[in-house]
PDB file of N, CA and C in Angstrom:
ATOM      1  N   MET A   1     -33.504  12.068 -91.210  1.00  0.00           N
ATOM      2  CA  MET A   1     -33.642  13.146 -90.247  1.00  0.00           C
ATOM      3  C   MET A   1     -34.591  12.750 -89.116  1.00  0.00           C
ATOM      4  N   PHE A   2     -35.722  12.137 -89.494  1.00  0.00           N
ATOM      5  CA  PHE A   2     -36.701  11.730 -88.489  1.00  0.00           C
ATOM      6  C   PHE A   2     -36.110  10.681 -87.554  1.00  0.00           C
ATOM      7  N   ASN A   3     -35.345   9.731 -88.099  1.00  0.00           N
ATOM      8  CA  ASN A   3     -34.743   8.684 -87.274  1.00  0.00           C
ATOM      9  C   ASN A   3     -33.734   9.263 -86.291  1.00  0.00           C
ATOM     10  N   THR A   4     -33.004  10.266 -86.714  1.00  0.00           N
ATOM     11  CA  THR A   4     -32.030  10.901 -85.829  1.00  0.00           C
ATOM     12  C   THR A   4     -32.729  11.613 -84.677  1.00  0.00           C
ATOM     13  N   LEU A   5     -33.792  12.338 -84.972  1.00  0.00           N
ATOM     14  CA  LEU A   5     -34.527  13.043 -83.917  1.00  0.00           C
ATOM     15  C   LEU A   5     -35.193  12.054 -82.962  1.00  0.00           C
ATOM     16  N   THR A   6     -35.735  10.988 -83.494  1.00  0.00           N
ATOM     17  CA  THR A   6     -36.362   9.971 -82.644  1.00  0.00           C
ATOM     18  C   THR A   6     -35.326   9.322 -81.734  1.00  0.00           C
ATOM     19  N   PHE A   7     -34.162   9.011 -82.294  1.00  0.00           N
ATOM     20  CA  PHE A   7     -33.090   8.405 -81.498  1.00  0.00           C
ATOM     21  C   PHE A   7     -32.658   9.353 -80.379  1.00  0.00           C
ATOM     22  N   ALA A   8     -32.482  10.629 -80.714  1.00  0.00           N
ATOM     23  CA  ALA A   8     -32.071  11.609 -79.706  1.00  0.00           C
ATOM     24  C   ALA A   8     -33.139  11.741 -78.619  1.00  0.00           C
ATOM     25  N   PHE A   9     -34.387  11.756 -79.005  1.00  0.00           N
ATOM     26  CA  PHE A   9     -35.475  11.861 -78.036  1.00  0.00           C
ATOM     27  C   PHE A   9     -35.489  10.653 -77.097  1.00  0.00           C
ATOM     28  N   VAL A  10     -35.319   9.461 -77.639  1.00  0.00           N
ATOM     29  CA  VAL A  10     -35.321   8.244 -76.819  1.00  0.00           C
ATOM     30  C   VAL A  10     -34.130   8.249 -75.871  1.00  0.00           C
ATOM     31  N   ILE A  11     -32.966   8.652 -76.327  1.00  0.00           N
ATOM     32  CA  ILE A  11     -31.787   8.707 -75.456  1.00  0.00           C
ATOM     33  C   ILE A  11     -32.002   9.707 -74.323  1.00  0.00           C
ATOM     34  N   ILE A  12     -32.533  10.879 -74.639  1.00  0.00           N
ATOM     35  CA  ILE A  12     -32.799  11.887 -73.598  1.00  0.00           C
ATOM     36  C   ILE A  12     -33.823  11.355 -72.602  1.00  0.00           C
ATOM     37  N   LEU A  13     -34.837  10.683 -73.083  1.00  0.00           N
ATOM     38  CA  LEU A  13     -35.855  10.123 -72.196  1.00  0.00           C
ATOM     39  C   LEU A  13     -35.261   9.067 -71.268  1.00  0.00           C
ATOM     40  N   LEU A  14     -34.425   8.191 -71.790  1.00  0.00           N
ATOM     41  CA  LEU A  14     -33.812   7.150 -70.966  1.00  0.00           C
ATOM     42  C   LEU A  14     -32.829   7.725 -69.951  1.00  0.00           C
ATOM     43  N   VAL A  15     -32.081   8.745 -70.337  1.00  0.00           N
ATOM     44  CA  VAL A  15     -31.130   9.360 -69.409  1.00  0.00           C
ATOM     45  C   VAL A  15     -31.867  10.029 -68.259  1.00  0.00           C
ATOM     46  N   THR A  16     -32.988  10.683 -68.532  1.00  0.00           N
ATOM     47  CA  THR A  16     -33.716  11.369 -67.466  1.00  0.00           C
ATOM     48  C   THR A  16     -34.322  10.385 -66.468  1.00  0.00           C
ATOM     49  N   LEU A  17     -34.561   9.147 -66.876  1.00  0.00           N
ATOM     50  CA  LEU A  17     -35.078   8.161 -65.927  1.00  0.00           C
ATOM     51  C   LEU A  17     -34.080   7.859 -64.822  1.00  0.00           C
ATOM     52  N   PHE A  18     -32.785   7.999 -65.113  1.00  0.00           N
ATOM     53  CA  PHE A  18     -31.752   7.709 -64.122  1.00  0.00           C
ATOM     54  C   PHE A  18     -31.353   8.939 -63.319  1.00  0.00           C
ATOM     55  N   LEU A  19     -31.897  10.087 -63.656  1.00  0.00           N
ATOM     56  CA  LEU A  19     -31.541  11.317 -62.962  1.00  0.00           C
ATOM     57  C   LEU A  19     -32.630  11.797 -62.018  1.00  0.00           C
ATOM     58  N   VAL A  20     -33.477  10.908 -61.557  1.00  0.00           N
ATOM     59  CA  VAL A  20     -34.526  11.294 -60.620  1.00  0.00           C
ATOM     60  C   VAL A  20     -33.904  11.600 -59.265  1.00  0.00           C
ATOM     61  N   PRO A  21     -34.483  12.539 -58.524  1.00  0.00           N
ATOM     62  CA  PRO A  21     -33.935  12.884 -57.210  1.00  0.00           C
ATOM     63  C   PRO A  21     -34.009  11.699 -56.247  1.00  0.00           C
ATOM     64  N   LYS A  22     -33.003  11.596 -55.425  1.00  0.00           N
ATOM     65  CA  LYS A  22     -32.967  10.530 -54.429  1.00  0.00           C
ATOM     66  C   LYS A  22     -33.423  11.070 -53.086  1.00  0.00           C
ATOM     67  N   ASN A  23     -33.904  10.187 -52.233  1.00  0.00           N
ATOM     68  CA  ASN A  23     -34.301  10.555 -50.883  1.00  0.00           C
ATOM     69  C   ASN A  23     -33.036  10.639 -50.037  1.00  0.00           C
ATOM     70  N   VAL A  24     -32.503  11.843 -49.836  1.00  0.00           N
ATOM     71  CA  VAL A  24     -31.247  11.998 -49.138  1.00  0.00           C
ATOM     72  C   VAL A  24     -31.404  11.867 -47.624  1.00  0.00           C
ATOM     73  N   ASP A  25     -32.611  11.948 -47.108  1.00  0.00           N
ATOM     74  CA  ASP A  25     -32.842  11.792 -45.676  1.00  0.00           C
ATOM     75  C   ASP A  25     -33.132  10.341 -45.304  1.00  0.00           C
ATOM     76  N   ALA A  26     -32.940   9.419 -46.206  1.00  0.00           N
ATOM     77  CA  ALA A  26     -33.352   8.042 -45.973  1.00  0.00           C
ATOM     78  C   ALA A  26     -32.524   7.381 -44.874  1.00  0.00           C
ATOM     79  N   PHE A  27     -31.202   7.546 -44.904  1.00  0.00           N
ATOM     80  CA  PHE A  27     -30.346   6.880 -43.930  1.00  0.00           C
ATOM     81  C   PHE A  27     -29.431   7.904 -43.282  1.00  0.00           C
ATOM     82  N   VAL A  28     -29.842   8.395 -42.118  1.00  0.00           N
ATOM     83  CA  VAL A  28     -29.064   9.383 -41.384  1.00  0.00           C
ATOM     84  C   VAL A  28     -28.661   8.762 -40.050  1.00  0.00           C
ATOM     85  N   LYS A  29     -27.364   8.729 -39.785  1.00  0.00           N
ATOM     86  CA  LYS A  29     -26.871   8.222 -38.500  1.00  0.00           C
ATOM     87  C   LYS A  29     -27.172   9.240 -37.402  1.00  0.00           C
ATOM     88  N   CYS A  30     -27.432   8.747 -36.190  1.00  0.00           N
ATOM     89  CA  CYS A  30     -27.728   9.653 -35.081  1.00  0.00           C
ATOM     90  C   CYS A  30     -27.328   8.991 -33.771  1.00  0.00           C
ATOM     91  N   GLU A  31     -27.205   9.826 -32.769  1.00  0.00           N
ATOM     92  CA  GLU A  31     -27.005   9.342 -31.403  1.00  0.00           C
ATOM     93  C   GLU A  31     -28.216   9.685 -30.547  1.00  0.00           C
ATOM     94  N   THR A  32     -28.822  10.828 -30.831  1.00  0.00           N
ATOM     95  CA  THR A  32     -30.057  11.228 -30.153  1.00  0.00           C
ATOM     96  C   THR A  32     -31.052  11.703 -31.204  1.00  0.00           C
ATOM     97  N   THR A  33     -32.272  11.921 -30.792  1.00  0.00           N
ATOM     98  CA  THR A  33     -33.308  12.387 -31.712  1.00  0.00           C
ATOM     99  C   THR A  33     -32.988  13.776 -32.240  1.00  0.00           C
ATOM    100  N   ASP A  34     -32.186  14.554 -31.502  1.00  0.00           N
ATOM    101  CA  ASP A  34     -31.814  15.896 -31.956  1.00  0.00           C
ATOM    102  C   ASP A  34     -30.931  15.852 -33.205  1.00  0.00           C
ATOM    103  N   ASP A  35     -30.275  14.730 -33.465  1.00  0.00           N
ATOM    104  CA  ASP A  35     -29.419  14.592 -34.647  1.00  0.00           C
ATOM    105  C   ASP A  35     -30.226  14.324 -35.915  1.00  0.00           C
ATOM    106  N   CYS A  36     -31.475  13.976 -35.773  1.00  0.00           N
ATOM    107  CA  CYS A  36     -32.330  13.645 -36.919  1.00  0.00           C
ATOM    108  C   CYS A  36     -32.822  14.922 -37.602  1.00  0.00           C
ATOM    109  N   PRO A  37     -33.352  14.793 -38.831  1.00  0.00           N
ATOM    110  CA  PRO A  37     -33.924  15.974 -39.485  1.00  0.00           C
ATOM    111  C   PRO A  37     -35.027  16.593 -38.632  1.00  0.00           C
ATOM    112  N   LYS A  38     -35.204  17.877 -38.797  1.00  0.00           N
ATOM    113  CA  LYS A  38     -36.206  18.587 -38.007  1.00  0.00           C
ATOM    114  C   LYS A  38     -37.595  18.026 -38.278  1.00  0.00           C
ATOM    115  N   SER A  39     -38.334  17.818 -37.221  1.00  0.00           N
ATOM    116  CA  SER A  39     -39.709  17.352 -37.343  1.00  0.00           C
ATOM    117  C   SER A  39     -40.608  18.538 -37.654  1.00  0.00           C
ATOM    118  N   ASP A  40     -41.627  18.296 -38.428  1.00  0.00           N
ATOM    119  CA  ASP A  40     -42.601  19.333 -38.702  1.00  0.00           C
ATOM    120  C   ASP A  40     -43.988  18.775 -38.386  1.00  0.00           C
ATOM    121  N   TYR A  41     -45.007  19.475 -38.819  1.00  0.00           N
ATOM    122  CA  TYR A  41     -46.368  19.064 -38.476  1.00  0.00           C
ATOM    123  C   TYR A  41     -46.728  17.717 -39.095  1.00  0.00           C
ATOM    124  N   ILE A  42     -46.175  17.420 -40.256  1.00  0.00           N
ATOM    125  CA  ILE A  42     -46.546  16.193 -40.962  1.00  0.00           C
ATOM    126  C   ILE A  42     -45.624  15.029 -40.614  1.00  0.00           C
ATOM    127  N   ARG A  43     -44.315  15.277 -40.525  1.00  0.00           N
ATOM    128  CA  ARG A  43     -43.342  14.202 -40.276  1.00  0.00           C
ATOM    129  C   ARG A  43     -42.668  14.392 -38.930  1.00  0.00           C
ATOM    130  N   GLN A  44     -42.467  13.278 -38.220  1.00  0.00           N
ATOM    131  CA  GLN A  44     -41.731  13.297 -36.965  1.00  0.00           C
ATOM    132  C   GLN A  44     -40.706  12.173 -36.998  1.00  0.00           C
ATOM    133  N   TYR A  45     -39.432  12.529 -36.748  1.00  0.00           N
ATOM    134  CA  TYR A  45     -38.346  11.563 -36.778  1.00  0.00           C
ATOM    135  C   TYR A  45     -37.893  11.221 -35.367  1.00  0.00           C
ATOM    136  N   GLU A  46     -37.428   9.987 -35.194  1.00  0.00           N
ATOM    137  CA  GLU A  46     -36.856   9.537 -33.931  1.00  0.00           C
ATOM    138  C   GLU A  46     -35.569   8.779 -34.220  1.00  0.00           C
ATOM    139  N   CYS A  47     -34.673   8.757 -33.242  1.00  0.00           N
ATOM    140  CA  CYS A  47     -33.431   8.007 -33.363  1.00  0.00           C
ATOM    141  C   CYS A  47     -33.673   6.608 -32.796  1.00  0.00           C
ATOM    142  N   VAL A  48     -33.588   5.591 -33.657  1.00  0.00           N
ATOM    143  CA  VAL A  48     -33.815   4.203 -33.256  1.00  0.00           C
ATOM    144  C   VAL A  48     -32.618   3.382 -33.718  1.00  0.00           C
ATOM    145  N   ASN A  49     -31.926   2.758 -32.783  1.00  0.00           N
ATOM    146  CA  ASN A  49     -30.732   1.948 -33.085  1.00  0.00           C
ATOM    147  C   ASN A  49     -29.705   2.741 -33.891  1.00  0.00           C
ATOM    148  N   ASN A  50     -29.478   3.981 -33.493  1.00  0.00           N
ATOM    149  CA  ASN A  50     -28.515   4.894 -34.114  1.00  0.00           C
ATOM    150  C   ASN A  50     -28.824   5.222 -35.567  1.00  0.00           C
ATOM    151  N   TRP A  51     -30.075   5.122 -35.967  1.00  0.00           N
ATOM    152  CA  TRP A  51     -30.531   5.526 -37.300  1.00  0.00           C
ATOM    153  C   TRP A  51     -31.785   6.372 -37.140  1.00  0.00           C
ATOM    154  N   CYS A  52     -31.872   7.462 -37.891  1.00  0.00           N
ATOM    155  CA  CYS A  52     -33.084   8.279 -37.868  1.00  0.00           C
ATOM    156  C   CYS A  52     -34.188   7.528 -38.590  1.00  0.00           C
ATOM    157  N   ARG A  53     -35.341   7.506 -37.966  1.00  0.00           N
ATOM    158  CA  ARG A  53     -36.469   6.754 -38.508  1.00  0.00           C
ATOM    159  C   ARG A  53     -37.708   7.633 -38.468  1.00  0.00           C
ATOM    160  N   LEU A  54     -38.488   7.565 -39.525  1.00  0.00           N
ATOM    161  CA  LEU A  54     -39.741   8.302 -39.564  1.00  0.00           C
ATOM    162  C   LEU A  54     -40.701   7.626 -38.596  1.00  0.00           C
ATOM    163  N   ALA A  55     -41.038   8.326 -37.519  1.00  0.00           N
ATOM    164  CA  ALA A  55     -41.850   7.724 -36.469  1.00  0.00           C
ATOM    165  C   ALA A  55     -43.334   7.910 -36.725  1.00  0.00           C
ATOM    166  N   ARG A  56     -43.714   9.090 -37.188  1.00  0.00           N
ATOM    167  CA  ARG A  56     -45.129   9.378 -37.419  1.00  0.00           C
ATOM    168  C   ARG A  56     -45.274  10.177 -38.693  1.00  0.00           C
ATOM    169  N   LEU A  57     -46.322   9.876 -39.412  1.00  0.00           N
ATOM    170  CA  LEU A  57     -46.642  10.615 -40.626  1.00  0.00           C
ATOM    171  C   LEU A  57     -48.106  11.001 -40.538  1.00  0.00           C
ATOM    172  N   HIS A  58     -48.345  12.275 -40.223  1.00  0.00           N
ATOM    173  CA  HIS A  58     -49.715  12.758 -40.078  1.00  0.00           C
ATOM    174  C   HIS A  58     -50.254  13.145 -41.449  1.00  0.00           C
ATOM    175  N   GLU A  59     -51.506  12.835 -41.679  1.00  0.00           N
ATOM    176  CA  GLU A  59     -52.138  13.198 -42.937  1.00  0.00           C
ATOM    177  C   GLU A  59     -52.470  14.677 -42.916  1.00  0.00           C
ATOM    178  N   PHE A  60     -52.149  15.351 -44.010  1.00  0.00           N
ATOM    179  CA  PHE A  60     -52.442  16.777 -44.114  1.00  0.00           C
ATOM    180  C   PHE A  60     -53.940  16.963 -44.328  1.00  0.00           C
ATOM    181  N   GLN A  61     -54.534  17.786 -43.484  1.00  0.00           N
ATOM    182  CA  GLN A  61     -55.955  18.080 -43.613  1.00  0.00           C
ATOM    183  C   GLN A  61     -56.107  19.591 -43.760  1.00  0.00           C
ATOM    184  N   PRO A  62     -56.545  20.024 -44.933  1.00  0.00           N
ATOM    185  CA  PRO A  62     -56.704  21.471 -45.123  1.00  0.00           C
ATOM    186  C   PRO A  62     -57.780  22.035 -44.206  1.00  0.00           C
ATOM    187  N   LYS A  63     -57.627  23.306 -43.901  1.00  0.00           N
ATOM    188  CA  LYS A  63     -58.613  23.961 -43.048  1.00  0.00           C
ATOM    189  C   LYS A  63     -59.957  24.016 -43.754  1.00  0.00           C
ATOM    190  N   LYS A  64     -61.010  23.840 -42.978  1.00  0.00           N
ATOM    191  CA  LYS A  64     -62.348  23.891 -43.547  1.00  0.00           C
ATOM    192  C   LYS A  64     -62.738  25.341 -43.799  1.00  0.00           C
ATOM    193  N   SER A  65     -63.432  25.548 -44.873  1.00  0.00           N
ATOM    194  CA  SER A  65     -63.860  26.890 -45.225  1.00  0.00           C
ATOM    195  C   SER A  65     -64.985  27.329 -44.289  1.00  0.00           C
ATOM    196  N   THR A  66     -64.947  28.618 -43.931  1.00  0.00           N
ATOM    197  CA  THR A  66     -66.003  29.147 -43.071  1.00  0.00           C
ATOM    198  C   THR A  66     -67.160  29.703 -43.880  1.00  0.00           C
ATOM    199  N   LEU A  67     -66.992  29.701 -45.208  1.00  0.00           N
ATOM    200  CA  LEU A  67     -68.064  30.203 -46.062  1.00  0.00           C
ATOM    201  C   LEU A  67     -69.139  29.138 -46.215  1.00  0.00           C
ATOM    202  N   THR A  68     -70.361  29.554 -46.152  1.00  0.00           N
ATOM    203  CA  THR A  68     -71.469  28.611 -46.345  1.00  0.00           C
ATOM    204  C   THR A  68     -72.290  29.074 -47.533  1.00  0.00           C
ATOM    205  N   SER A  69     -72.856  28.138 -48.258  1.00  0.00           N
ATOM    206  CA  SER A  69     -73.649  28.532 -49.416  1.00  0.00           C
ATOM    207  C   SER A  69     -75.111  28.317 -49.206  1.00  0.00           C
TER     208      SER A  69
END
Protein backbone atom coordinates (compact mmCIF):
# COMPACT_ATOMS: atom_id res chain seq x y z
CA MET A 1 0.00 0.00 0.00
CA PHE A 2 2.79 2.41 0.93
CA ASN A 3 4.65 1.70 -2.33
CA THR A 4 1.53 2.40 -4.36
CA LEU A 5 0.93 5.74 -2.65
CA THR A 6 4.58 6.72 -3.02
CA PHE A 7 4.52 5.82 -6.71
CA ALA A 8 1.34 7.84 -7.26
CA PHE A 9 2.81 10.82 -5.41
CA VAL A 10 6.01 10.73 -7.48
CA ILE A 11 4.06 10.49 -10.75
CA ILE A 12 1.84 13.44 -9.77
CA LEU A 13 4.91 15.45 -8.79
CA LEU A 14 6.67 14.73 -12.09
CA VAL A 15 3.58 15.54 -14.16
CA THR A 16 3.14 18.91 -12.44
CA LEU A 17 6.71 19.87 -13.36
CA PHE A 18 5.68 19.83 -17.03
CA LEU A 19 2.48 21.78 -16.48
CA VAL A 20 4.04 25.07 -15.40
CA PRO A 21 2.59 28.18 -17.05
CA LYS A 22 4.41 29.44 -20.11
CA ASN A 23 5.24 33.04 -20.91
CA VAL A 24 2.67 33.62 -23.65
CA ASP A 25 3.82 37.21 -24.29
CA ALA A 26 7.35 36.07 -25.12
CA PHE A 27 7.12 36.17 -28.92
CA VAL A 28 4.49 38.51 -30.32
CA LYS A 29 4.69 39.67 -33.94
CA CYS A 30 4.06 43.38 -34.53
CA GLU A 31 4.24 46.10 -37.12
CA THR A 32 4.08 49.05 -34.72
CA THR A 33 4.46 49.47 -30.98
CA ASP A 34 0.65 49.64 -30.72
CA ASP A 35 0.51 45.93 -31.65
CA CYS A 36 2.54 44.98 -28.56
CA PRO A 37 1.05 44.17 -25.15
CA LYS A 38 -0.10 47.19 -23.20
CA SER A 39 2.66 48.92 -21.29
CA ASP A 40 2.16 49.60 -17.63
CA TYR A 41 4.16 51.35 -14.94
CA ILE A 42 6.61 48.47 -14.56
CA ARG A 43 6.93 47.08 -18.11
CA GLN A 44 7.21 48.93 -21.41
CA TYR A 45 7.18 47.11 -24.76
CA GLU A 46 8.47 48.29 -28.13
CA CYS A 47 8.27 46.84 -31.63
CA VAL A 48 11.82 45.98 -32.78
CA ASN A 49 12.39 44.12 -36.07
CA ASN A 50 8.69 43.15 -36.17
CA TRP A 51 8.85 41.50 -32.72
CA CYS A 52 7.57 42.93 -29.45
CA ARG A 53 10.44 43.41 -27.06
CA LEU A 54 10.52 44.39 -23.42
CA ALA A 55 12.22 47.77 -23.62
CA ARG A 56 12.21 48.87 -19.98
CA LEU A 57 11.61 47.16 -16.70
CA HIS A 58 11.18 49.59 -13.83
CA GLU A 59 11.72 48.34 -10.31
CA PHE A 60 8.62 48.52 -8.15
CA GLN A 61 9.13 50.85 -5.23
CA PRO A 62 6.38 50.89 -2.62
CA LYS A 63 5.21 54.22 -1.32
CA LYS A 64 6.97 55.39 1.80
CA SER A 65 4.91 55.50 4.94
CA THR A 66 4.05 58.93 6.30
CA LEU A 67 3.88 57.59 9.83
CA THR A 68 6.84 58.36 12.02
CA SER A 69 7.72 56.67 15.27
